C-alpha atoms as a PDB file:
ATOM      1  CA  MET A   1     -13.665  67.520  57.157  1.00  0.00           C
ATOM      2  CA  ILE A   2     -10.506  65.419  57.211  1.00  0.00           C
ATOM      3  CA  LEU A   3     -12.209  62.762  55.100  1.00  0.00           C
ATOM      4  CA  ILE A   4     -13.435  65.318  52.575  1.00  0.00           C
ATOM      5  CA  THR A   5      -9.986  66.875  52.321  1.00  0.00           C
ATOM      6  CA  PHE A   6      -8.420  63.437  51.798  1.00  0.00           C
ATOM      7  CA  ILE A   7     -10.838  62.550  49.008  1.00  0.00           C
ATOM      8  CA  GLY A   8     -10.310  65.929  47.399  1.00  0.00           C
ATOM      9  CA  CYS A   9      -6.536  65.591  47.503  1.00  0.00           C
ATOM     10  CA  THR A  10      -6.744  62.064  46.153  1.00  0.00           C
ATOM     11  CA  GLY A  11      -8.858  63.309  43.261  1.00  0.00           C
ATOM     12  CA  VAL A  12      -6.348  66.021  42.438  1.00  0.00           C
ATOM     13  CA  THR A  13      -3.457  63.583  42.649  1.00  0.00           C
ATOM     14  CA  TYR A  14      -5.242  61.114  40.391  1.00  0.00           C
ATOM     15  CA  SER A  15      -6.076  63.859  37.908  1.00  0.00           C
ATOM     16  CA  ILE A  16      -2.474  65.063  37.766  1.00  0.00           C
ATOM     17  CA  TYR A  17      -1.269  61.483  37.375  1.00  0.00           C
ATOM     18  CA  SER A  18      -3.733  60.856  34.539  1.00  0.00           C
ATOM     19  CA  ILE A  19      -2.689  63.983  32.662  1.00  0.00           C
ATOM     20  CA  SER A  20       1.000  63.190  33.146  1.00  0.00           C
ATOM     21  CA  ASN A  21       0.492  59.608  31.999  1.00  0.00           C
ATOM     22  CA  GLN A  22      -1.401  60.722  28.903  1.00  0.00           C
ATOM     23  CA  LEU A  23       1.285  63.266  28.016  1.00  0.00           C
ATOM     24  CA  ASN A  24       3.908  60.534  28.299  1.00  0.00           C
ATOM     25  CA  GLU A  25       1.880  58.304  25.978  1.00  0.00           C
ATOM     26  CA  TYR A  26       1.623  61.085  23.405  1.00  0.00           C
ATOM     27  CA  HIS A  27       5.355  61.735  23.658  1.00  0.00           C
ATOM     28  CA  GLU A  28       6.279  58.064  23.276  1.00  0.00           C
ATOM     29  CA  SER A  29       3.990  57.653  20.276  1.00  0.00           C
ATOM     30  CA  ALA A  30       5.364  60.798  18.609  1.00  0.00           C
ATOM     31  CA  SER A  31       8.969  59.690  19.201  1.00  0.00           C
ATOM     32  CA  LYS A  32       8.377  56.358  17.481  1.00  0.00           C
ATOM     33  CA  TYR A  33       6.930  58.005  14.381  1.00  0.00           C
ATOM     34  CA  ASP A  34       9.705  60.621  14.360  1.00  0.00           C
ATOM     35  CA  GLY A  35      12.131  57.717  14.163  1.00  0.00           C
ATOM     36  CA  LEU A  36      10.252  56.230  11.213  1.00  0.00           C
ATOM     37  CA  ARG A  37      10.385  59.572   9.386  1.00  0.00           C
ATOM     38  CA  GLU A  38      14.154  59.624   9.846  1.00  0.00           C
ATOM     39  CA  ILE A  39      14.390  56.156   8.309  1.00  0.00           C
ATOM     40  CA  TYR A  40      12.120  57.174   5.438  1.00  0.00           C
ATOM     41  CA  GLU A  41      13.960  60.413   4.674  1.00  0.00           C
ATOM     42  CA  LYS A  42      17.405  58.829   4.994  1.00  0.00           C
ATOM     43  CA  SER A  43      16.467  55.889   2.770  1.00  0.00           C
ATOM     44  CA  ALA A  44      14.894  58.233   0.207  1.00  0.00           C
ATOM     45  CA  LYS A  45      18.312  59.771  -0.375  1.00  0.00           C
ATOM     46  CA  ALA A  46      19.887  56.380  -1.119  1.00  0.00           C
ATOM     47  CA  SER A  47      20.970  55.382  -4.622  1.00  0.00           C
ATOM     48  CA  SER A  48      17.960  53.104  -5.101  1.00  0.00           C
ATOM     49  CA  PRO A  49      14.482  54.540  -4.328  1.00  0.00           C
ATOM     50  CA  GLN A  50      13.293  51.040  -3.448  1.00  0.00           C
ATOM     51  CA  ASN A  51      15.524  51.151  -0.372  1.00  0.00           C
ATOM     52  CA  THR A  52      13.102  53.719   1.053  1.00  0.00           C
ATOM     53  CA  HIS A  53      10.377  51.130   1.358  1.00  0.00           C
ATOM     54  CA  ASP A  54      12.588  48.084   1.963  1.00  0.00           C
ATOM     55  CA  GLU A  55      13.827  49.479   5.269  1.00  0.00           C
ATOM     56  CA  LEU A  56      10.292  50.090   6.500  1.00  0.00           C
ATOM     57  CA  GLN A  57       9.052  46.699   5.316  1.00  0.00           C
ATOM     58  CA  LYS A  58      11.795  45.062   7.364  1.00  0.00           C
ATOM     59  CA  ILE A  59      10.146  46.616  10.415  1.00  0.00           C
ATOM     60  CA  ASN A  60       6.584  45.800   9.382  1.00  0.00           C
ATOM     61  CA  LYS A  61       5.598  43.626   6.421  1.00  0.00           C
ATOM     62  CA  ASP A  62       2.191  45.362   6.412  1.00  0.00           C
ATOM     63  CA  TYR A  63       3.792  48.612   5.228  1.00  0.00           C
ATOM     64  CA  VAL A  64       2.289  49.683   1.870  1.00  0.00           C
ATOM     65  CA  GLY A  65       3.307  53.315   1.357  1.00  0.00           C
ATOM     66  CA  TRP A  66       3.732  56.807   2.755  1.00  0.00           C
ATOM     67  CA  ILE A  67       1.186  59.645   3.026  1.00  0.00           C
ATOM     68  CA  ASP A  68       2.062  63.333   3.278  1.00  0.00           C
ATOM     69  CA  ILE A  69      -0.054  66.490   3.334  1.00  0.00           C
ATOM     70  CA  SER A  70       2.042  69.658   3.188  1.00  0.00           C
ATOM     71  CA  GLU A  71       1.753  72.069   6.140  1.00  0.00           C
ATOM     72  CA  THR A  72      -0.190  69.581   8.274  1.00  0.00           C
ATOM     73  CA  THR A  73       0.904  66.905  10.747  1.00  0.00           C
ATOM     74  CA  VAL A  74       0.028  64.162   8.250  1.00  0.00           C
ATOM     75  CA  ASN A  75       3.381  62.596   7.337  1.00  0.00           C
ATOM     76  CA  TYR A  76       3.196  58.894   8.117  1.00  0.00           C
ATOM     77  CA  PRO A  77       3.765  55.355   6.883  1.00  0.00           C
ATOM     78  CA  ILE A  78       0.621  53.529   5.741  1.00  0.00           C
ATOM     79  CA  VAL A  79      -0.050  49.938   6.753  1.00  0.00           C
ATOM     80  CA  LYS A  80      -2.692  47.442   5.665  1.00  0.00           C
ATOM     81  CA  GLY A  81      -3.766  44.669   8.018  1.00  0.00           C
ATOM     82  CA  GLY A  82      -5.997  41.652   7.671  1.00  0.00           C
ATOM     83  CA  ASP A  83      -8.909  43.614   9.148  1.00  0.00           C
ATOM     84  CA  ASN A  84      -9.832  47.178  10.095  1.00  0.00           C
ATOM     85  CA  GLU A  85      -9.464  46.622  13.837  1.00  0.00           C
ATOM     86  CA  PHE A  86      -5.850  45.741  14.647  1.00  0.00           C
ATOM     87  CA  TYR A  87      -4.224  49.056  13.728  1.00  0.00           C
ATOM     88  CA  LEU A  88      -6.791  51.044  15.680  1.00  0.00           C
ATOM     89  CA  THR A  89      -4.881  50.016  18.799  1.00  0.00           C
ATOM     90  CA  HIS A  90      -1.435  49.089  17.474  1.00  0.00           C
ATOM     91  CA  ASN A  91       1.300  51.280  16.017  1.00  0.00           C
ATOM     92  CA  PHE A  92       3.629  50.682  13.073  1.00  0.00           C
ATOM     93  CA  TYR A  93       5.796  48.412  15.226  1.00  0.00           C
ATOM     94  CA  GLN A  94       2.647  46.405  16.026  1.00  0.00           C
ATOM     95  CA  ASP A  95       2.933  47.370  19.679  1.00  0.00           C
ATOM     96  CA  THR A  96      -0.189  48.326  21.628  1.00  0.00           C
ATOM     97  CA  ASP A  97      -0.561  52.091  21.254  1.00  0.00           C
ATOM     98  CA  PHE A  98      -3.593  54.293  21.855  1.00  0.00           C
ATOM     99  CA  ALA A  99      -2.637  56.399  18.807  1.00  0.00           C
ATOM    100  CA  GLY A 100      -2.759  53.362  16.531  1.00  0.00           C
ATOM    101  CA  ALA A 101      -1.447  53.675  12.982  1.00  0.00           C
ATOM    102  CA  ILE A 102      -2.462  55.179   9.663  1.00  0.00           C
ATOM    103  CA  PHE A 103      -3.944  52.220   7.811  1.00  0.00           C
ATOM    104  CA  MET A 104      -5.576  51.311   4.514  1.00  0.00           C
ATOM    105  CA  ASP A 105      -8.933  49.560   4.391  1.00  0.00           C
ATOM    106  CA  SER A 106      -8.455  45.796   4.407  1.00  0.00           C
ATOM    107  CA  GLN A 107     -10.734  45.515   1.346  1.00  0.00           C
ATOM    108  CA  ASN A 108      -8.419  47.685  -0.753  1.00  0.00           C
ATOM    109  CA  SER A 109      -5.578  46.401  -2.895  1.00  0.00           C
ATOM    110  CA  SER A 110      -2.137  47.616  -1.839  1.00  0.00           C
ATOM    111  CA  GLY A 111      -0.561  46.857  -5.220  1.00  0.00           C
ATOM    112  CA  THR A 112      -2.963  48.653  -7.555  1.00  0.00           C
ATOM    113  CA  LEU A 113      -5.391  51.516  -7.118  1.00  0.00           C
ATOM    114  CA  ASP A 114      -9.024  50.617  -6.543  1.00  0.00           C
ATOM    115  CA  LYS A 115     -11.829  52.937  -7.554  1.00  0.00           C
ATOM    116  CA  ASN A 116     -11.921  54.233  -3.984  1.00  0.00           C
ATOM    117  CA  THR A 117      -8.968  53.744  -1.636  1.00  0.00           C
ATOM    118  CA  ILE A 118      -9.801  54.391   2.023  1.00  0.00           C
ATOM    119  CA  ILE A 119      -7.258  55.350   4.686  1.00  0.00           C
ATOM    120  CA  TYR A 120      -8.036  55.646   8.399  1.00  0.00           C
ATOM    121  CA  GLY A 121      -6.339  57.430  11.292  1.00  0.00           C
ATOM    122  CA  HIS A 122      -7.199  58.606  14.795  1.00  0.00           C
ATOM    123  CA  ASN A 123      -8.116  62.219  15.559  1.00  0.00           C
ATOM    124  CA  MET A 124      -5.553  62.829  18.301  1.00  0.00           C
ATOM    125  CA  LYS A 125      -5.813  65.772  20.698  1.00  0.00           C
ATOM    126  CA  ASP A 126      -2.255  66.899  19.925  1.00  0.00           C
ATOM    127  CA  LYS A 127      -3.137  67.004  16.190  1.00  0.00           C
ATOM    128  CA  SER A 128      -0.955  63.979  15.432  1.00  0.00           C
ATOM    129  CA  MET A 129      -2.080  61.129  13.174  1.00  0.00           C
ATOM    130  CA  PHE A 130      -5.222  62.496  11.422  1.00  0.00           C
ATOM    131  CA  GLY A 131      -5.903  65.133  14.099  1.00  0.00           C
ATOM    132  CA  SER A 132      -5.055  68.044  11.801  1.00  0.00           C
ATOM    133  CA  LEU A 133      -7.683  66.977   9.232  1.00  0.00           C
ATOM    134  CA  GLN A 134     -10.250  68.921  11.277  1.00  0.00           C
ATOM    135  CA  ASN A 135      -8.727  72.030   9.694  1.00  0.00           C
ATOM    136  CA  TYR A 136     -10.375  71.072   6.397  1.00  0.00           C
ATOM    137  CA  LEU A 137     -13.739  72.094   7.809  1.00  0.00           C
ATOM    138  CA  ASP A 138     -12.501  75.642   7.184  1.00  0.00           C
ATOM    139  CA  GLN A 139     -12.875  76.857   3.591  1.00  0.00           C
ATOM    140  CA  ASP A 140      -9.746  79.038   3.662  1.00  0.00           C
ATOM    141  CA  PHE A 141      -7.583  76.175   4.903  1.00  0.00           C
ATOM    142  CA  PHE A 142      -9.009  73.878   2.248  1.00  0.00           C
ATOM    143  CA  GLU A 143      -8.195  76.365  -0.515  1.00  0.00           C
ATOM    144  CA  LYS A 144      -4.522  76.408   0.495  1.00  0.00           C
ATOM    145  CA  HIS A 145      -4.060  72.690   1.191  1.00  0.00           C
ATOM    146  CA  LYS A 146      -5.869  70.728  -1.504  1.00  0.00           C
ATOM    147  CA  ASN A 147      -3.220  68.139  -2.312  1.00  0.00           C
ATOM    148  CA  VAL A 148      -2.457  64.784  -0.694  1.00  0.00           C
ATOM    149  CA  THR A 149       0.695  62.890  -1.727  1.00  0.00           C
ATOM    150  CA  ILE A 150       1.124  59.121  -1.459  1.00  0.00           C
ATOM    151  CA  LYS A 151       4.133  57.015  -2.468  1.00  0.00           C
ATOM    152  CA  ASN A 152       3.601  53.282  -2.889  1.00  0.00           C
ATOM    153  CA  LEU A 153       6.019  50.355  -2.669  1.00  0.00           C
ATOM    154  CA  ASN A 154       6.993  50.724  -6.324  1.00  0.00           C
ATOM    155  CA  ASP A 155       7.972  54.324  -5.511  1.00  0.00           C
ATOM    156  CA  HIS A 156       5.171  55.665  -7.692  1.00  0.00           C
ATOM    157  CA  THR A 157       4.030  59.095  -6.535  1.00  0.00           C
ATOM    158  CA  TYR A 158       0.304  59.820  -6.550  1.00  0.00           C
ATOM    159  CA  ILE A 159      -1.059  63.315  -5.993  1.00  0.00           C
ATOM    160  CA  TRP A 160      -4.698  63.635  -5.006  1.00  0.00           C
ATOM    161  CA  GLU A 161      -6.866  66.770  -5.032  1.00  0.00           C
ATOM    162  CA  ILE A 162      -9.436  67.172  -2.251  1.00  0.00           C
ATOM    163  CA  PHE A 163     -12.952  68.081  -3.392  1.00  0.00           C
ATOM    164  CA  SER A 164     -15.332  67.046  -0.598  1.00  0.00           C
ATOM    165  CA  VAL A 165     -15.254  67.393   3.204  1.00  0.00           C
ATOM    166  CA  TYR A 166     -18.044  66.550   5.635  1.00  0.00           C
ATOM    167  CA  GLU A 167     -19.013  64.925   8.932  1.00  0.00           C
ATOM    168  CA  THR A 168     -21.438  62.010   8.963  1.00  0.00           C
ATOM    169  CA  THR A 169     -22.756  59.028  10.902  1.00  0.00           C
ATOM    170  CA  LYS A 170     -23.489  57.178   7.656  1.00  0.00           C
ATOM    171  CA  VAL A 171     -21.192  54.432   6.359  1.00  0.00           C
ATOM    172  CA  ASP A 172     -22.013  54.442   2.635  1.00  0.00           C
ATOM    173  CA  TRP A 173     -18.733  56.260   1.906  1.00  0.00           C
ATOM    174  CA  MET A 174     -16.882  53.025   2.765  1.00  0.00           C
ATOM    175  CA  LYS A 175     -17.394  51.498  -0.687  1.00  0.00           C
ATOM    176  CA  THR A 176     -14.126  50.505  -2.347  1.00  0.00           C
ATOM    177  CA  HIS A 177     -15.589  48.874  -5.467  1.00  0.00           C
ATOM    178  CA  PHE A 178     -18.612  49.651  -7.626  1.00  0.00           C
ATOM    179  CA  GLU A 179     -20.917  47.519  -9.747  1.00  0.00           C
ATOM    180  CA  ASN A 180     -20.837  49.822 -12.776  1.00  0.00           C
ATOM    181  CA  ASN A 181     -20.412  53.443 -13.879  1.00  0.00           C
ATOM    182  CA  SER A 182     -23.948  54.325 -12.805  1.00  0.00           C
ATOM    183  CA  ASP A 183     -23.241  53.058  -9.309  1.00  0.00           C
ATOM    184  CA  PHE A 184     -20.055  55.127  -9.126  1.00  0.00           C
ATOM    185  CA  THR A 185     -21.736  58.238 -10.567  1.00  0.00           C
ATOM    186  CA  ALA A 186     -24.460  58.025  -7.914  1.00  0.00           C
ATOM    187  CA  PHE A 187     -21.750  57.703  -5.254  1.00  0.00           C
ATOM    188  CA  LEU A 188     -19.993  60.814  -6.584  1.00  0.00           C
ATOM    189  CA  LYS A 189     -23.205  62.820  -6.507  1.00  0.00           C
ATOM    190  CA  THR A 190     -23.868  61.813  -2.906  1.00  0.00           C
ATOM    191  CA  ILE A 191     -20.441  62.749  -1.567  1.00  0.00           C
ATOM    192  CA  GLU A 192     -20.342  66.016  -3.525  1.00  0.00           C
ATOM    193  CA  ASN A 193     -23.736  67.072  -2.167  1.00  0.00           C
ATOM    194  CA  ARG A 194     -22.659  66.349   1.406  1.00  0.00           C
ATOM    195  CA  SER A 195     -19.583  68.545   1.275  1.00  0.00           C
ATOM    196  CA  ILE A 196     -19.548  71.599   3.508  1.00  0.00           C
ATOM    197  CA  ILE A 197     -16.706  73.189   1.553  1.00  0.00           C
ATOM    198  CA  GLN A 198     -17.071  74.682  -1.907  1.00  0.00           C
ATOM    199  CA  SER A 199     -14.900  73.071  -4.586  1.00  0.00           C
ATOM    200  CA  LYS A 200     -14.517  73.818  -8.284  1.00  0.00           C
ATOM    201  CA  THR A 201     -12.840  70.474  -8.968  1.00  0.00           C
ATOM    202  CA  GLU A 202     -14.646  68.529 -11.686  1.00  0.00           C
ATOM    203  CA  ILE A 203     -15.317  64.873 -10.870  1.00  0.00           C
ATOM    204  CA  LYS A 204     -15.978  62.324 -13.625  1.00  0.00           C
ATOM    205  CA  GLU A 205     -16.946  58.664 -13.750  1.00  0.00           C
ATOM    206  CA  ASP A 206     -13.457  57.623 -14.868  1.00  0.00           C
ATOM    207  CA  ASP A 207     -11.790  59.282 -11.854  1.00  0.00           C
ATOM    208  CA  THR A 208     -10.034  57.357  -9.091  1.00  0.00           C
ATOM    209  CA  LEU A 209     -10.745  58.380  -5.499  1.00  0.00           C
ATOM    210  CA  LEU A 210      -8.973  58.565  -2.160  1.00  0.00           C
ATOM    211  CA  THR A 211     -10.997  58.773   1.060  1.00  0.00           C
ATOM    212  CA  LEU A 212      -9.533  59.809   4.419  1.00  0.00           C
ATOM    213  CA  SER A 213     -11.505  59.001   7.559  1.00  0.00           C
ATOM    214  CA  THR A 214     -11.124  60.021  11.189  1.00  0.00           C
ATOM    215  CA  CYS A 215     -13.378  60.428  14.220  1.00  0.00           C
ATOM    216  CA  THR A 216     -14.770  63.766  15.381  1.00  0.00           C
ATOM    217  CA  LYS A 217     -14.747  65.477  18.759  1.00  0.00           C
ATOM    218  CA  SER A 218     -18.520  65.696  18.977  1.00  0.00           C
ATOM    219  CA  ASN A 219     -19.654  62.068  18.676  1.00  0.00           C
ATOM    220  CA  ASP A 220     -18.012  58.631  18.763  1.00  0.00           C
ATOM    221  CA  ASP A 221     -20.196  57.459  15.875  1.00  0.00           C
ATOM    222  CA  ARG A 222     -19.596  60.547  13.769  1.00  0.00           C
ATOM    223  CA  ARG A 223     -16.756  60.621  11.245  1.00  0.00           C
ATOM    224  CA  LEU A 224     -14.916  63.356   9.387  1.00  0.00           C
ATOM    225  CA  ILE A 225     -14.653  62.244   5.768  1.00  0.00           C
ATOM    226  CA  ILE A 226     -12.398  63.776   3.119  1.00  0.00           C
ATOM    227  CA  HIS A 227     -12.591  62.735  -0.529  1.00  0.00           C
ATOM    228  CA  ALA A 228      -9.938  63.461  -3.160  1.00  0.00           C
ATOM    229  CA  LYS A 229      -9.514  62.568  -6.836  1.00  0.00           C
ATOM    230  CA  LEU A 230      -6.310  61.333  -8.423  1.00  0.00           C
ATOM    231  CA  LYS A 231      -4.671  64.375  -9.958  1.00  0.00           C
ATOM    232  CA  LYS A 232      -1.262  63.002 -10.921  1.00  0.00           C
ATOM    233  CA  GLY A 233      -0.136  59.390 -11.117  1.00  0.00           C
ATOM    234  CA  ARG A 234      -0.272  56.245 -13.221  1.00  0.00           C
ATOM    235  CA  ASN A 235      -4.068  56.073 -13.349  1.00  0.00           C
ATOM    236  CA  VAL A 236      -4.551  59.631 -14.610  1.00  0.00           C
ATOM    237  CA  LYS A 237      -5.762  59.756 -18.221  1.00  0.00           C
END
């Protein structure tokens, strides 16, 4: 009986310690990104818009822009590494961090828009990073939050309109470049047909896309994918 009680108490103690440790990790990660938002917002008010990005590039040369989705937790700097692995486990300061960073696919160009720009982020339990993207599985939420805003290093503002949301284990959505218009048109048809939300947004072969990717709660191999078209920016015709 004494042995059983000891094991039970040890289990409870370990469980409490684990929860406390995880909460501390979430808090530390959130504090670091809160600090980056302060830098971004303060620099944005400076006389030269370029200062906004210069300050962040001094911290991390991999910084390529800022992403914001109104009325969600998505309000973060974007980085682009030499591969798609490093920023899964490292934050903006390049320190080891279970929350990682919001990062652009290594195959994308950070200076110009590719046909499909892909951005990744973890689905955190506290809704940080890309955790709030799960809300887009709800039609009503989608209707009220269709726009994604990104500012690049040249301080160009791009506004994207979401048109497709789905969960998948497939990886064909990861294409950043296409052989020709037919290849791109086939891609558009596939991602439109997969969507679980209803969208009236018209997609054409000359459109430029943004894809957001995060994991799901149900399966480690399953991903929540959100596609948007460029609505306002330098590539809009």
